C-alpha atoms as a PDB file:
ATOM      1  CA  MET A   1     130.148  57.493 118.779  1.00  0.00           C
ATOM      2  CA  LYS A   2     127.337  56.532 116.476  1.00  0.00           C
ATOM      3  CA  GLY A   3     124.780  57.048 119.178  1.00  0.00           C
ATOM      4  CA  GLU A   4     126.269  60.384 120.156  1.00  0.00           C
ATOM      5  CA  ASN A   5     126.122  61.566 116.544  1.00  0.00           C
ATOM      6  CA  ASP A   6     122.523  60.386 116.222  1.00  0.00           C
ATOM      7  CA  ASP A   7     121.662  62.304 119.371  1.00  0.00           C
ATOM      8  CA  SER A   8     123.363  65.462 118.096  1.00  0.00           C
ATOM      9  CA  PHE A   9     121.682  65.282 114.754  1.00  0.00           C
ATOM     10  CA  SER A  10     118.303  64.685 116.332  1.00  0.00           C
ATOM     11  CA  MET A  11     118.861  67.687 118.640  1.00  0.00           C
ATOM     12  CA  ARG A  12     119.952  69.791 115.745  1.00  0.00           C
ATOM     13  CA  ASP A  13     116.936  68.802 113.675  1.00  0.00           C
ATOM     14  CA  PHE A  14     114.622  69.570 116.645  1.00  0.00           C
ATOM     15  CA  VAL A  15     116.180  73.010 117.151  1.00  0.00           C
ATOM     16  CA  THR A  16     115.992  73.684 113.385  1.00  0.00           C
ATOM     17  CA  GLY A  17     112.376  72.482 113.144  1.00  0.00           C
ATOM     18  CA  ALA A  18     111.401  74.578 116.239  1.00  0.00           C
ATOM     19  CA  TRP A  19     113.031  77.626 114.732  1.00  0.00           C
ATOM     20  CA  PHE A  20     111.327  77.330 111.357  1.00  0.00           C
ATOM     21  CA  SER A  21     107.895  76.520 112.908  1.00  0.00           C
ATOM     22  CA  SER A  22     108.052  79.611 115.252  1.00  0.00           C
ATOM     23  CA  ARG A  23     110.215  82.140 113.469  1.00  0.00           C
ATOM     24  CA  TRP A  24     107.289  84.199 112.164  1.00  0.00           C
ATOM     25  CA  ALA A  25     105.685  84.362 115.587  1.00  0.00           C
ATOM     26  CA  LEU A  26     108.932  85.450 117.142  1.00  0.00           C
ATOM     27  CA  PHE A  27     109.412  88.100 114.483  1.00  0.00           C
ATOM     28  CA  PHE A  28     105.971  89.584 115.033  1.00  0.00           C
ATOM     29  CA  VAL A  29     106.252  89.376 118.819  1.00  0.00           C
ATOM     30  CA  SER A  30     109.608  91.206 118.551  1.00  0.00           C
ATOM     31  CA  LEU A  31     107.999  93.815 116.341  1.00  0.00           C
ATOM     32  CA  ILE A  32     105.236  94.436 118.780  1.00  0.00           C
ATOM     33  CA  LEU A  33     107.560  94.626 121.699  1.00  0.00           C
ATOM     34  CA  LEU A  34     109.785  97.061 119.874  1.00  0.00           C
ATOM     35  CA  SER A  35     106.736  99.173 118.870  1.00  0.00           C
ATOM     36  CA  ILE A  36     105.629  99.263 122.507  1.00  0.00           C
ATOM     37  CA  ILE A  37     109.089 100.375 123.748  1.00  0.00           C
ATOM     38  CA  ILE A  38     109.284 103.133 121.073  1.00  0.00           C
ATOM     39  CA  ALA A  39     105.834 104.405 121.794  1.00  0.00           C
ATOM     40  CA  ASN A  40     106.495 104.338 125.573  1.00  0.00           C
ATOM     41  CA  SER A  41     109.618 106.458 124.934  1.00  0.00           C
ATOM     42  CA  MET A  42     107.604 109.120 122.999  1.00  0.00           C
ATOM     43  CA  VAL A  43     104.429 109.386 125.268  1.00  0.00           C
ATOM     44  CA  ASP A  44     105.003 111.202 128.491  1.00  0.00           C
ATOM     45  CA  ASP A  45     101.615 110.669 130.035  1.00  0.00           C
ATOM     46  CA  TRP A  46      99.405 107.641 129.111  1.00  0.00           C
ATOM     47  CA  GLY A  47      96.759 108.975 131.503  1.00  0.00           C
ATOM     48  CA  ARG A  48      95.428 111.331 128.834  1.00  0.00           C
ATOM     49  CA  LEU A  49      93.737 108.304 127.207  1.00  0.00           C
ATOM     50  CA  GLU A  50      91.422 107.835 130.246  1.00  0.00           C
ATOM     51  CA  ASN A  51      88.883 110.588 129.134  1.00  0.00           C
ATOM     52  CA  GLY A  52      89.211 109.968 125.457  1.00  0.00           C
ATOM     53  CA  GLY A  53      86.094 107.796 125.158  1.00  0.00           C
ATOM     54  CA  SER A  54      83.855 110.210 127.067  1.00  0.00           C
ATOM     55  CA  ASN A  55      85.253 113.149 125.182  1.00  0.00           C
ATOM     56  CA  LEU A  56      84.548 111.465 121.898  1.00  0.00           C
ATOM     57  CA  ILE A  57      80.954 110.707 122.880  1.00  0.00           C
ATOM     58  CA  ILE A  58      80.384 114.349 123.962  1.00  0.00           C
ATOM     59  CA  PHE A  59      81.864 115.577 120.656  1.00  0.00           C
ATOM     60  CA  ILE A  60      79.624 113.294 118.567  1.00  0.00           C
ATOM     61  CA  GLU A  61      76.482 114.186 120.463  1.00  0.00           C
ATOM     62  CA  GLU A  62      76.985 117.857 120.677  1.00  0.00           C
ATOM     63  CA  SER A  63      78.876 118.790 117.433  1.00  0.00           C
ATOM     64  CA  LEU A  64      79.023 115.908 114.887  1.00  0.00           C
ATOM     65  CA  TRP A  65      75.694 114.079 114.837  1.00  0.00           C
ATOM     66  CA  PRO A  66      73.266 114.247 113.139  1.00  0.00           C
ATOM     67  CA  PRO A  67      74.801 115.244 109.836  1.00  0.00           C
ATOM     68  CA  ASP A  68      73.555 118.498 108.268  1.00  0.00           C
ATOM     69  CA  TRP A  69      72.410 117.377 104.814  1.00  0.00           C
ATOM     70  CA  SER A  70      71.840 121.034 103.730  1.00  0.00           C
ATOM     71  CA  VAL A  71      75.186 120.547 101.933  1.00  0.00           C
ATOM     72  CA  LEU A  72      73.060 118.805  99.182  1.00  0.00           C
ATOM     73  CA  GLU A  73      70.758 121.788  98.765  1.00  0.00           C
ATOM     74  CA  PRO A  74      71.420 124.115  95.891  1.00  0.00           C
ATOM     75  CA  GLN A  75      73.419 127.321  96.388  1.00  0.00           C
ATOM     76  CA  ASP A  76      71.650 130.673  96.628  1.00  0.00           C
ATOM     77  CA  TYR A  77      74.055 132.045  94.080  1.00  0.00           C
ATOM     78  CA  PRO A  78      74.432 131.479  91.201  1.00  0.00           C
ATOM     79  CA  VAL A  79      70.786 130.608  90.504  1.00  0.00           C
ATOM     80  CA  CYS A  80      70.280 126.860  89.969  1.00  0.00           C
ATOM     81  CA  LEU A  81      69.070 126.074  86.509  1.00  0.00           C
ATOM     82  CA  ALA A  82      68.905 122.332  86.914  1.00  0.00           C
ATOM     83  CA  ALA A  83      65.702 120.371  86.003  1.00  0.00           C
ATOM     84  CA  PRO A  84      63.364 119.552  88.751  1.00  0.00           C
ATOM     85  CA  GLY A  85      64.640 116.671  90.848  1.00  0.00           C
ATOM     86  CA  PHE A  86      68.263 117.422  89.962  1.00  0.00           C
ATOM     87  CA  SER A  87      68.672 120.524  92.134  1.00  0.00           C
ATOM     88  CA  PHE A  88      71.315 118.703  94.109  1.00  0.00           C
ATOM     89  CA  THR A  89      73.660 119.179  91.156  1.00  0.00           C
ATOM     90  CA  CYS A  90      73.883 122.837  92.220  1.00  0.00           C
ATOM     91  CA  SER A  91      74.955 122.017  95.779  1.00  0.00           C
ATOM     92  CA  THR A  92      78.429 122.492  97.106  1.00  0.00           C
ATOM     93  CA  ALA A  93      78.773 118.733  97.809  1.00  0.00           C
ATOM     94  CA  TRP A  94      78.075 117.808  94.191  1.00  0.00           C
ATOM     95  CA  ILE A  95      80.196 120.593  92.651  1.00  0.00           C
ATOM     96  CA  GLY A  96      83.108 119.713  94.957  1.00  0.00           C
ATOM     97  CA  LEU A  97      82.733 116.007  94.360  1.00  0.00           C
ATOM     98  CA  ILE A  98      82.662 116.302  90.575  1.00  0.00           C
ATOM     99  CA  GLU A  99      85.622 118.650  90.652  1.00  0.00           C
ATOM    100  CA  THR A 100      87.554 116.183  92.783  1.00  0.00           C
ATOM    101  CA  LEU A 101      86.735 113.304  90.291  1.00  0.00           C
ATOM    102  CA  LYS A 102      87.904 115.484  87.401  1.00  0.00           C
ATOM    103  CA  ILE A 103      91.164 116.326  89.075  1.00  0.00           C
ATOM    104  CA  ALA A 104      91.737 112.640  89.946  1.00  0.00           C
ATOM    105  CA  PHE A 105      91.027 111.592  86.398  1.00  0.00           C
ATOM    106  CA  VAL A 106      93.204 114.178  84.600  1.00  0.00           C
ATOM    107  CA  SER A 107      96.090 113.713  86.996  1.00  0.00           C
ATOM    108  CA  THR A 108      95.870 109.987  86.649  1.00  0.00           C
ATOM    109  CA  VAL A 109      96.036 110.124  82.849  1.00  0.00           C
ATOM    110  CA  LEU A 110      98.808 112.657  82.731  1.00  0.00           C
ATOM    111  CA  GLY A 111     100.756 110.830  85.431  1.00  0.00           C
ATOM    112  CA  MET A 112     100.485 107.563  83.670  1.00  0.00           C
ATOM    113  CA  ILE A 113     101.694 109.052  80.336  1.00  0.00           C
ATOM    114  CA  ILE A 114     104.698 110.692  82.005  1.00  0.00           C
ATOM    115  CA  SER A 115     105.624 107.813  84.297  1.00  0.00           C
ATOM    116  CA  LEU A 116     105.520 105.001  81.707  1.00  0.00           C
ATOM    117  CA  PRO A 117     108.580 106.103  79.760  1.00  0.00           C
ATOM    118  CA  ILE A 118     110.445 106.800  83.042  1.00  0.00           C
ATOM    119  CA  SER A 119     109.568 103.436  84.441  1.00  0.00           C
ATOM    120  CA  LEU A 120     110.858 101.768  81.284  1.00  0.00           C
ATOM    121  CA  PHE A 121     114.219 103.458  81.906  1.00  0.00           C
ATOM    122  CA  ALA A 122     114.046 102.495  85.655  1.00  0.00           C
ATOM    123  CA  ALA A 123     113.582  98.831  85.041  1.00  0.00           C
ATOM    124  CA  ARG A 124     116.834  96.980  85.750  1.00  0.00           C
ATOM    125  CA  ASN A 125     115.960  94.115  83.376  1.00  0.00           C
ATOM    126  CA  LEU A 126     116.009  96.570  80.427  1.00  0.00           C
ATOM    127  CA  ASN A 127     118.825  99.019  81.296  1.00  0.00           C
ATOM    128  CA  SER A 128     122.192  99.270  82.973  1.00  0.00           C
ATOM    129  CA  PRO A 129     122.404 100.781  86.469  1.00  0.00           C
ATOM    130  CA  TRP A 130     123.724 103.999  84.936  1.00  0.00           C
ATOM    131  CA  VAL A 131     120.318 104.388  83.305  1.00  0.00           C
ATOM    132  CA  SER A 132     117.888 102.766  85.831  1.00  0.00           C
ATOM    133  CA  TYR A 133     119.042 104.475  88.982  1.00  0.00           C
ATOM    134  CA  PRO A 134     118.823 108.088  87.714  1.00  0.00           C
ATOM    135  CA  ALA A 135     115.239 107.185  86.552  1.00  0.00           C
ATOM    136  CA  ARG A 136     114.480 105.755  89.914  1.00  0.00           C
ATOM    137  CA  PHE A 137     115.828 108.917  91.506  1.00  0.00           C
ATOM    138  CA  ILE A 138     113.380 111.085  89.517  1.00  0.00           C
ATOM    139  CA  LEU A 139     110.420 108.787  90.586  1.00  0.00           C
ATOM    140  CA  ALA A 140     111.555 108.753  94.223  1.00  0.00           C
ATOM    141  CA  ALA A 141     111.762 112.526  94.205  1.00  0.00           C
ATOM    142  CA  SER A 142     108.229 112.818  92.756  1.00  0.00           C
ATOM    143  CA  ARG A 143     106.741 110.756  95.608  1.00  0.00           C
ATOM    144  CA  SER A 144     109.049 111.868  98.386  1.00  0.00           C
ATOM    145  CA  LEU A 145     106.625 114.641  99.363  1.00  0.00           C
ATOM    146  CA  PRO A 146     102.865 114.072 100.159  1.00  0.00           C
ATOM    147  CA  SER A 147     100.400 115.283  97.625  1.00  0.00           C
ATOM    148  CA  ILE A 148      99.188 118.067 100.007  1.00  0.00           C
ATOM    149  CA  ILE A 149     102.774 119.476 100.063  1.00  0.00           C
ATOM    150  CA  TRP A 150     102.961 119.465  96.334  1.00  0.00           C
ATOM    151  CA  ALA A 151      99.457 121.178  96.380  1.00  0.00           C
ATOM    152  CA  ILE A 152     100.826 123.963  98.637  1.00  0.00           C
ATOM    153  CA  PHE A 153     103.805 124.398  96.279  1.00  0.00           C
ATOM    154  CA  PHE A 154     101.590 124.753  93.163  1.00  0.00           C
ATOM    155  CA  VAL A 155      99.068 126.943  94.935  1.00  0.00           C
ATOM    156  CA  ILE A 156     102.066 129.335  95.596  1.00  0.00           C
ATOM    157  CA  LEU A 157     103.270 128.925  91.983  1.00  0.00           C
ATOM    158  CA  VAL A 158     100.039 129.150  89.942  1.00  0.00           C
ATOM    159  CA  GLY A 159      97.415 130.272  92.489  1.00  0.00           C
ATOM    160  CA  LEU A 160      94.178 128.754  93.946  1.00  0.00           C
ATOM    161  CA  GLY A 161      91.968 126.401  91.940  1.00  0.00           C
ATOM    162  CA  PRO A 162      91.874 122.989  90.429  1.00  0.00           C
ATOM    163  CA  LEU A 163      94.870 123.635  88.210  1.00  0.00           C
ATOM    164  CA  SER A 164      97.156 123.510  91.351  1.00  0.00           C
ATOM    165  CA  GLY A 165      95.397 120.247  92.296  1.00  0.00           C
ATOM    166  CA  ILE A 166      95.886 118.633  88.882  1.00  0.00           C
ATOM    167  CA  LEU A 167      99.573 119.609  88.877  1.00  0.00           C
ATOM    168  CA  ALA A 168     100.168 118.342  92.388  1.00  0.00           C
ATOM    169  CA  MET A 169      98.414 115.003  91.973  1.00  0.00           C
ATOM    170  CA  THR A 170     100.122 114.584  88.583  1.00  0.00           C
ATOM    171  CA  VAL A 171     103.612 114.963  90.062  1.00  0.00           C
ATOM    172  CA  TYR A 172     102.706 112.546  92.925  1.00  0.00           C
ATOM    173  CA  THR A 173     101.185 110.050  90.479  1.00  0.00           C
ATOM    174  CA  VAL A 174     104.302 109.975  88.409  1.00  0.00           C
ATOM    175  CA  GLY A 175     106.378 108.921  91.447  1.00  0.00           C
ATOM    176  CA  TYR A 176     103.817 106.522  92.961  1.00  0.00           C
ATOM    177  CA  LEU A 177     102.612 104.869  89.714  1.00  0.00           C
ATOM    178  CA  GLY A 178     106.035 104.853  88.155  1.00  0.00           C
ATOM    179  CA  LYS A 179     107.339 102.673  91.025  1.00  0.00           C
ATOM    180  CA  LEU A 180     104.464 100.188  90.552  1.00  0.00           C
ATOM    181  CA  GLN A 181     105.160 100.236  86.852  1.00  0.00           C
ATOM    182  CA  TYR A 182     108.774  99.417  86.906  1.00  0.00           C
ATOM    183  CA  GLU A 183     108.249  96.666  89.529  1.00  0.00           C
ATOM    184  CA  ALA A 184     105.623  95.186  87.191  1.00  0.00           C
ATOM    185  CA  ILE A 185     108.042  95.385  84.303  1.00  0.00           C
ATOM    186  CA  GLU A 186     110.870  93.747  86.316  1.00  0.00           C
ATOM    187  CA  GLY A 187     108.525  90.976  87.244  1.00  0.00           C
ATOM    188  CA  ILE A 188     107.903  89.692  83.675  1.00  0.00           C
ATOM    189  CA  SER A 189     109.433  86.491  82.531  1.00  0.00           C
ATOM    190  CA  ARG A 190     113.036  86.580  81.229  1.00  0.00           C
ATOM    191  CA  SER A 191     112.317  84.194  78.394  1.00  0.00           C
ATOM    192  CA  PRO A 192     110.699  86.793  76.007  1.00  0.00           C
ATOM    193  CA  LEU A 193     113.439  89.292  76.802  1.00  0.00           C
ATOM    194  CA  ASP A 194     116.141  86.813  76.100  1.00  0.00           C
ATOM    195  CA  ALA A 195     114.443  85.791  72.822  1.00  0.00           C
ATOM    196  CA  SER A 196     114.200  89.476  71.852  1.00  0.00           C
ATOM    197  CA  ARG A 197     117.831  90.223  72.569  1.00  0.00           C
ATOM    198  CA  ALA A 198     118.810  86.989  70.533  1.00  0.00           C
ATOM    199  CA  MET A 199     116.837  88.302  67.609  1.00  0.00           C
ATOM    200  CA  GLY A 200     118.661  91.586  67.711  1.00  0.00           C
ATOM    201  CA  HIS A 201     115.734  93.861  68.670  1.00  0.00           C
ATOM    202  CA  SER A 202     116.517  97.435  69.649  1.00  0.00           C
ATOM    203  CA  TRP A 203     115.614  98.817  73.047  1.00  0.00           C
ATOM    204  CA  ILE A 204     112.487 100.498  71.670  1.00  0.00           C
ATOM    205  CA  GLU A 205     111.365  97.310  69.914  1.00  0.00           C
ATOM    206  CA  ARG A 206     111.952  95.281  73.026  1.00  0.00           C
ATOM    207  CA  SER A 207     110.228  97.800  75.229  1.00  0.00           C
ATOM    208  CA  PHE A 208     107.135  98.322  73.161  1.00  0.00           C
ATOM    209  CA  GLY A 209     106.976  95.024  71.443  1.00  0.00           C
ATOM    210  CA  VAL A 210     107.745  92.698  74.240  1.00  0.00           C
ATOM    211  CA  VAL A 211     107.701  94.300  77.653  1.00  0.00           C
ATOM    212  CA  LEU A 212     104.590  96.348  77.481  1.00  0.00           C
ATOM    213  CA  PRO A 213     102.407  93.645  76.038  1.00  0.00           C
ATOM    214  CA  GLU A 214     103.814  91.180  78.691  1.00  0.00           C
ATOM    215  CA  ALA A 215     103.078  93.627  81.561  1.00  0.00           C
ATOM    216  CA  ALA A 216      99.929  95.269  80.080  1.00  0.00           C
ATOM    217  CA  ASN A 217      97.442  93.627  82.480  1.00  0.00           C
ATOM    218  CA  GLY A 218      99.341  94.804  85.565  1.00  0.00           C
ATOM    219  CA  LEU A 219      99.962  98.271  84.139  1.00  0.00           C
ATOM    220  CA  ILE A 220      96.252  98.818  83.379  1.00  0.00           C
ATOM    221  CA  SER A 221      95.186  97.455  86.737  1.00  0.00           C
ATOM    222  CA  GLN A 222      97.635  99.749  88.576  1.00  0.00           C
ATOM    223  CA  ALA A 223      96.316 102.820  86.549  1.00  0.00           C
ATOM    224  CA  ILE A 224      92.784 102.016  87.635  1.00  0.00           C
ATOM    225  CA  PHE A 225      93.873 101.664  91.173  1.00  0.00           C
ATOM    226  CA  MET A 226      95.788 104.941  90.920  1.00  0.00           C
ATOM    227  CA  PHE A 227      92.585 106.815  89.823  1.00  0.00           C
ATOM    228  CA  GLU A 228      90.779 105.492  92.966  1.00  0.00           C
ATOM    229  CA  TYR A 229      93.812 106.485  95.093  1.00  0.00           C
ATOM    230  CA  ASN A 230      93.858 109.996  93.627  1.00  0.00           C
ATOM    231  CA  PHE A 231      90.251 110.558  94.333  1.00  0.00           C
ATOM    232  CA  ARG A 232      90.781 109.727  98.000  1.00  0.00           C
ATOM    233  CA  HIS A 233      93.741 112.035  98.250  1.00  0.00           C
ATOM    234  CA  GLY A 234      92.114 114.635  96.024  1.00  0.00           C
ATOM    235  CA  THR A 235      89.701 115.333  98.802  1.00  0.00           C
ATOM    236  CA  VAL A 236      92.531 116.440 100.983  1.00  0.00           C
ATOM    237  CA  ILE A 237      94.359 118.827  98.692  1.00  0.00           C
ATOM    238  CA  GLY A 238      91.352 121.200  98.562  1.00  0.00           C
ATOM    239  CA  ILE A 239      92.094 122.063 102.168  1.00  0.00           C
ATOM    240  CA  VAL A 240      95.024 124.108 100.956  1.00  0.00           C
ATOM    241  CA  GLY A 241      93.007 125.777  98.036  1.00  0.00           C
ATOM    242  CA  ALA A 242      93.816 123.277  95.293  1.00  0.00           C
ATOM    243  CA  GLY A 243      90.177 122.737  94.396  1.00  0.00           C
ATOM    244  CA  GLY A 244      87.800 119.865  95.028  1.00  0.00           C
ATOM    245  CA  ILE A 245      85.527 118.950  97.832  1.00  0.00           C
ATOM    246  CA  GLY A 246      88.278 119.506 100.407  1.00  0.00           C
ATOM    247  CA  TYR A 247      87.830 123.297  99.924  1.00  0.00           C
ATOM    248  CA  TYR A 248      84.306 123.100 101.400  1.00  0.00           C
ATOM    249  CA  ILE A 249      85.348 120.798 104.221  1.00  0.00           C
ATOM    250  CA  ASN A 250      88.022 123.297 105.235  1.00  0.00           C
ATOM    251  CA  LEU A 251      85.584 126.176 104.982  1.00  0.00           C
ATOM    252  CA  TYR A 252      83.181 124.549 107.397  1.00  0.00           C
ATOM    253  CA  LEU A 253      86.005 123.356 109.679  1.00  0.00           C
ATOM    254  CA  LYS A 254      87.016 126.992 110.091  1.00  0.00           C
ATOM    255  CA  PHE A 255      83.442 127.864 111.278  1.00  0.00           C
ATOM    256  CA  LEU A 256      83.295 124.751 113.476  1.00  0.00           C
ATOM    257  CA  GLN A 257      80.318 123.453 111.651  1.00  0.00           C
ATOM    258  CA  TYR A 258      81.222 119.774 112.208  1.00  0.00           C
ATOM    259  CA  ASP A 259      77.718 118.530 111.330  1.00  0.00           C
ATOM    260  CA  LYS A 260      78.215 119.696 107.792  1.00  0.00           C
ATOM    261  CA  VAL A 261      81.736 118.321 107.747  1.00  0.00           C
ATOM    262  CA  ILE A 262      80.523 114.859 108.665  1.00  0.00           C
ATOM    263  CA  ALA A 263      77.934 114.977 105.946  1.00  0.00           C
ATOM    264  CA  TYR A 264      80.698 115.628 103.434  1.00  0.00           C
ATOM    265  CA  LEU A 265      82.758 112.761 104.852  1.00  0.00           C
ATOM    266  CA  ILE A 266      79.811 110.369 104.603  1.00  0.00           C
ATOM    267  CA  ILE A 267      79.405 111.345 100.987  1.00  0.00           C
ATOM    268  CA  ILE A 268      83.097 110.802 100.247  1.00  0.00           C
ATOM    269  CA  PHE A 269      82.904 107.413 102.014  1.00  0.00           C
ATOM    270  CA  ILE A 270      79.964 106.349  99.797  1.00  0.00           C
ATOM    271  CA  VAL A 271      81.695 107.471  96.685  1.00  0.00           C
ATOM    272  CA  VAL A 272      84.871 105.709  97.607  1.00  0.00           C
ATOM    273  CA  LEU A 273      82.970 102.451  98.195  1.00  0.00           C
ATOM    274  CA  LEU A 274      81.327 102.837  94.715  1.00  0.00           C
ATOM    275  CA  LEU A 275      84.744 103.487  93.127  1.00  0.00           C
ATOM    276  CA  ASP A 276      86.250 100.548  94.878  1.00  0.00           C
ATOM    277  CA  PHE A 277      83.523  98.166  93.446  1.00  0.00           C
ATOM    278  CA  ILE A 278      83.851  99.742  90.010  1.00  0.00           C
ATOM    279  CA  SER A 279      87.675  99.437  90.068  1.00  0.00           C
ATOM    280  CA  ILE A 280      87.455  95.771  91.250  1.00  0.00           C
ATOM    281  CA  LYS A 281      85.142  95.005  88.401  1.00  0.00           C
ATOM    282  CA  ALA A 282      87.327  96.924  85.895  1.00  0.00           C
ATOM    283  CA  ARG A 283      90.591  95.308  87.123  1.00  0.00           C
ATOM    284  CA  SER A 284      88.977  91.857  86.746  1.00  0.00           C
ATOM    285  CA  TYR A 285      88.913  92.267  82.978  1.00  0.00           C
ATOM    286  CA  PHE A 286      92.763  92.817  82.968  1.00  0.00           C
ATOM    287  CA  THR A 287      93.876  90.111  85.298  1.00  0.00           C
ATOM    288  CA  GLU A 288      94.204  86.302  84.816  1.00  0.00           C
ATOM    289  CA  GLU A 289      92.048  85.612  87.877  1.00  0.00           C
ATOM    290  CA  ASN A 290      88.681  84.976  86.200  1.00  0.00           C
ATOM    291  CA  ASP A 291      87.008  84.167  89.494  1.00  0.00           C
ATOM    292  CA  VAL A 292      87.405  87.766  90.831  1.00  0.00           C
ATOM    293  CA  ASN A 293      83.849  88.554  89.859  1.00  0.00           C
ATOM    294  CA  GLU A 294      82.613  85.764  92.090  1.00  0.00           C
ATOM    295  CA  ARG A 295      84.461  86.884  95.167  1.00  0.00           C
ATOM    296  CA  GLY A 296      83.134  88.957  98.014  1.00  0.00           C
ATOM    297  CA  TRP A 297      79.620  89.564  99.203  1.00  0.00           C
ATOM    298  CA  LEU A 298      78.287  90.527  95.674  1.00  0.00           C
ATOM    299  CA  GLY A 299      79.435  87.080  94.372  1.00  0.00           C
ATOM    300  CA  PHE A 300      77.824  85.434  97.409  1.00  0.00           C
ATOM    301  CA  ILE A 301      74.503  87.159  96.789  1.00  0.00           C
ATOM    302  CA  SER A 302      74.552  86.306  93.134  1.00  0.00           C
ATOM    303  CA  ARG A 303      75.214  82.583  93.953  1.00  0.00           C
ATOM    304  CA  ILE A 304      72.356  82.591  96.476  1.00  0.00           C
ATOM    305  CA  THR A 305      69.982  84.168  93.874  1.00  0.00           C
ATOM    306  CA  ALA A 306      71.028  81.535  91.350  1.00  0.00           C
ATOM    307  CA  LEU A 307      70.290  78.801  93.832  1.00  0.00           C
ATOM    308  CA  LYS A 308      66.874  80.125  94.525  1.00  0.00           C
ATOM    309  CA  LYS A 309      66.018  80.328  90.834  1.00  0.00           C
ATOM    310  CA  SER A 310      67.263  76.905  89.947  1.00  0.00           C
ATOM    311  CA  PRO A 311      64.585  74.121  89.804  1.00  0.00           C
ATOM    312  CA  LYS A 312      64.452  71.880  92.851  1.00  0.00           C
END
């Protein structure tokens, strides 16, 4: 009997160990197989992919490349009054880019101001379900529609222009940033909250005196990320007339001037990279990871430069 029990326990341990060592691989394999099955049920003819590569090459060679950098030249009207060497500031690319940055900045600030009180109500560690779930419903409703749908709604409501873009991105920011905020608030340690309750602090005192200081680093980091996110999506809402560089992209798309469109897209890509580096640097001041500045290829280059300057 003892030997049989030992064999059963060893077999059970083997099966358990095999399951724990391979469960993630099985999980991802199952996801991949499920995705293939679902995709196969939706696609009626996979043969359409055969000419995709050649069609892409023809499109790039005939319509897309090289980019038309005339989008950086000043407009004929109104007359450009910029100093010599700064005539690009009168171009459609510069005007649209600056307008998109302004829309992203204003909508991020307004969205943060509106979403922060709602996220405090939505946090379950601060409020009862009767308070937190209605607040979560408001945030979910704000982000349930894409920003471009909100842009269409506000273009109908207030007309064409950057005001529609600001309102659309603000509503979307409230829902998106609010979710990040209440998750950060719920992630703080329970000890400060318990101590605040034991001292008899009110909800306002606990929220602004304990919760916000504890979650400040994460909240600021999320707001910086949201500005970067809003710029990327702000390039799209202009397509429906809500201002920004997307307006000019849509204009040239209508006239099939893809070489100018790709020039705009390259400019947007470069600005997104710059914003990404700036946001990484800015977020590093509000996180506890002091080695963030040394990560990535910039940190690698700085270390190589320091080694070259050091005495041998």
